[in-house]
Amino acid sequence: MSRRHQNFRNYRQEQRLTQQRVFAAAIFVLLMAIVLMARLFYLQVIEHELYQTKANDNRVMLVTEPPPRGLIYDRNGLVLADNRPIHSLTVIPERVESFPKLKQMLSGIIDISDDEWEDFDERRKEYRRPYQSLTLKSQLTDEEWAKVSVDLYKLDGVQVEAQLTRYYPYGEAFAHAIGYVGRITSKDLETVDKLAYQGALFIGKTGVEGYYEKTLFGEAGLSKVEVNARGRIMSELERQNPTPGKDLHLYLDARLQQYAYDLLGDYTGAVVAIDPTTGGILALVSKPGYDPNLFVRGISIDDYAKLRQSKKLPLFNRALRGGYPPASTIKPFMGLAGLEYGFSSWTERYFAKGYYQINPDGRRYRDWKRTGHGWINLERSIIESVDTYYYQLANKMGITPIHNFLTRFGFGQTTLLDLNGESHGLLPSNEWKKAKYKEPWYPGDSVNVGIGQGFMVATPLQIASATSALASKGHYFYPRMTQLVGDKIIEFPDGLGDEHDIVLKDQRNWGRMIDAMRKVITDSHGTARRLQGTDYEIAGKTGTGQVFSLQEDQEYDADSLEKRLHDHALFIGFAPAGNPKISVFAIFENGGSSSKPADLTKALFDAYLHDDYPARYDYLKGDKND
């Protein structure tokens, strides 16, 4: 009989095994708990600041607040550049999940043009601070504001912001003097403090706005705000208020500026008026101008193309950059140069034929008066504007004395203290011609410069500034736009704002030259005798600048020429002649006769000296005139 094998459970052994497993599991759980606690300690204690910061980044946002831009006033307290509140539709790109969807939703609420979307898309690609809002549509109407506000909860990243925008109430007549602000570009940010400009929408581009950008801008404010998961601002945690920009008070007279602009009529041209006692610019006109408000929120492609393609070049600042032959307006300065270097005198007589020749068989340089002027002296040469007198004088002097003397009046250099973009013009010299054309200076070159033609080119501002120095008998002030920053008189570095005297060997020559210019108006043969009849004395000089060269025996016949080939018409003048309060340079491009700028200048003198502007300019009087 086989013996049956039987197994018996070992309860003791099973109990030990169970205990071992429980113990191992407990150890494992304990280890896991320790690891978990260690991890929690690491995250909540050691890395507390890091994760607190990350959490705050999602919950707390820094918002920069651009400061109110300083205002720009004219000399009588009239606001020329103002700030206006508007409501704009802005978008925080980081909060938008799908731009095509956003575009579809917004298009169903308000009208947003393709140009606005294209402009917005372009700016998304430019540098900006993370979570900084971008303007999609500015200056919402009340109806648009209401429509967007109703559906705002459905539009992630979209908000309506109250902003201040720049506004120029008097438009194109002031555009080249005041300039404009425009949207900040990545190129602009390369030239400014990026931190200071975070959140700013505009930056000064041209004119006073551009030159005084730092002063007008102020300092941006900063707010720490709490936002929800959709990026909406829930509360403000901290706030540092912005510092407003400083106001500027200019020398500019708004009525004089607008009046001068209107008096140019349909002509293109420029007018610069200066106070000879300060160098302050009373009017800086370049016509045509443009509406600077077009640039504030970003000019459309079509509008910009129209300005760029216009044959009248409205974007070109003729007053600062226009290069014109000064023509006969240079003769008073040439006369003083001849006296200074001993090449002429007040008593020396000269027989003025209808032409001048350097050599007996050489070219004939024609006088404007074909029959000549007969026996004349320096004073008579100014009164009758005798070309041949200055041909022979310039030929005797040569270019070096002419260059050195005219340099003292600011020709051939930039002199404006507080605007950018001024042209140097061209005051030629031996060295200049050799470098430019690799040719020597010829006597014929000097002859042409003697009547402000040939190589010489000057800007309206240079001629006006030189005239102002002559009017004040050599007391030369660099021209400037601004007299007050805030309530303080502006100070320029290196003493440039101070007076710089031009001292002649015989200071009496100032008075005699001014007297000769006074007789340009009072003498029966004076070229500006049409200005007689005022109750104050005017000193002036006419000029006609050729825009093309005539052949030796060719006569100028305006009727047979296209208007673009007509002479430029120029005039310089100041009044009252004995105690000048205003000096003016005016040019009508292709204006032909200098009677036009002469009449314009007289009208400006009448208005400014007697405060007698046409009533239609009363809206430009300003607080100080009320």
Foldseek 3Di string as FASTA:
>chain_A
DDDDDDDDDDVVVVVVVVVVVVVVVVVVVVVVVVVVVVVVCCVCPVCVVVVVVVVCVQFKDKDKAFAAFAFEAEQFAHTQKDKDKAKFKKFQVVLAPDPVVLVVVLVVQDPQDPQLVVVQVVVVPFDADHRQIDTSGIRDDPSSQVSCVVCVVVRQRIDMDIDIFMAGVPFFLCCQAQPAKAADGNVNCVVDPRVQCHNPGIQGDFHLRNLCRVQRRFGMKMWMFTADNSRHTDGTDDIGHTGGHWYFYWNEQVLLSVLLQPLLPPFFWWKWKAFLVQLGTHYTGGPPAGGNVCRGHHHGPVVVCCCVPDPSNRVDRQQFENWFQPFQLCLLLLLLLCVQVVNFDQPDKDAWAQWDDPDPPHFTHGWPDNRTDGIDGSLVCQQQVTLRVLLVSLLVVDLPSVLVSLVLLQAQQAQEQGGPDGDSWDRDDQVNCCVPVVDGDDSVQSSQVSRRDHRGIGGQNSSQQSLSCLLVLFFHARHYTTQDTRNHGDDGPPCNSHTDGDDGPDSCSSVVSLVSQQSLCVPPSRLNVVLPDDPATKGKGWGWGFPDDDDRPDDDDPVVDDLQRATKTWMWMFPSSVNTRMIMIIIGRSPHYNNSVSVSVSLSCVCVVVVDRPPVCPVSSHPSRD
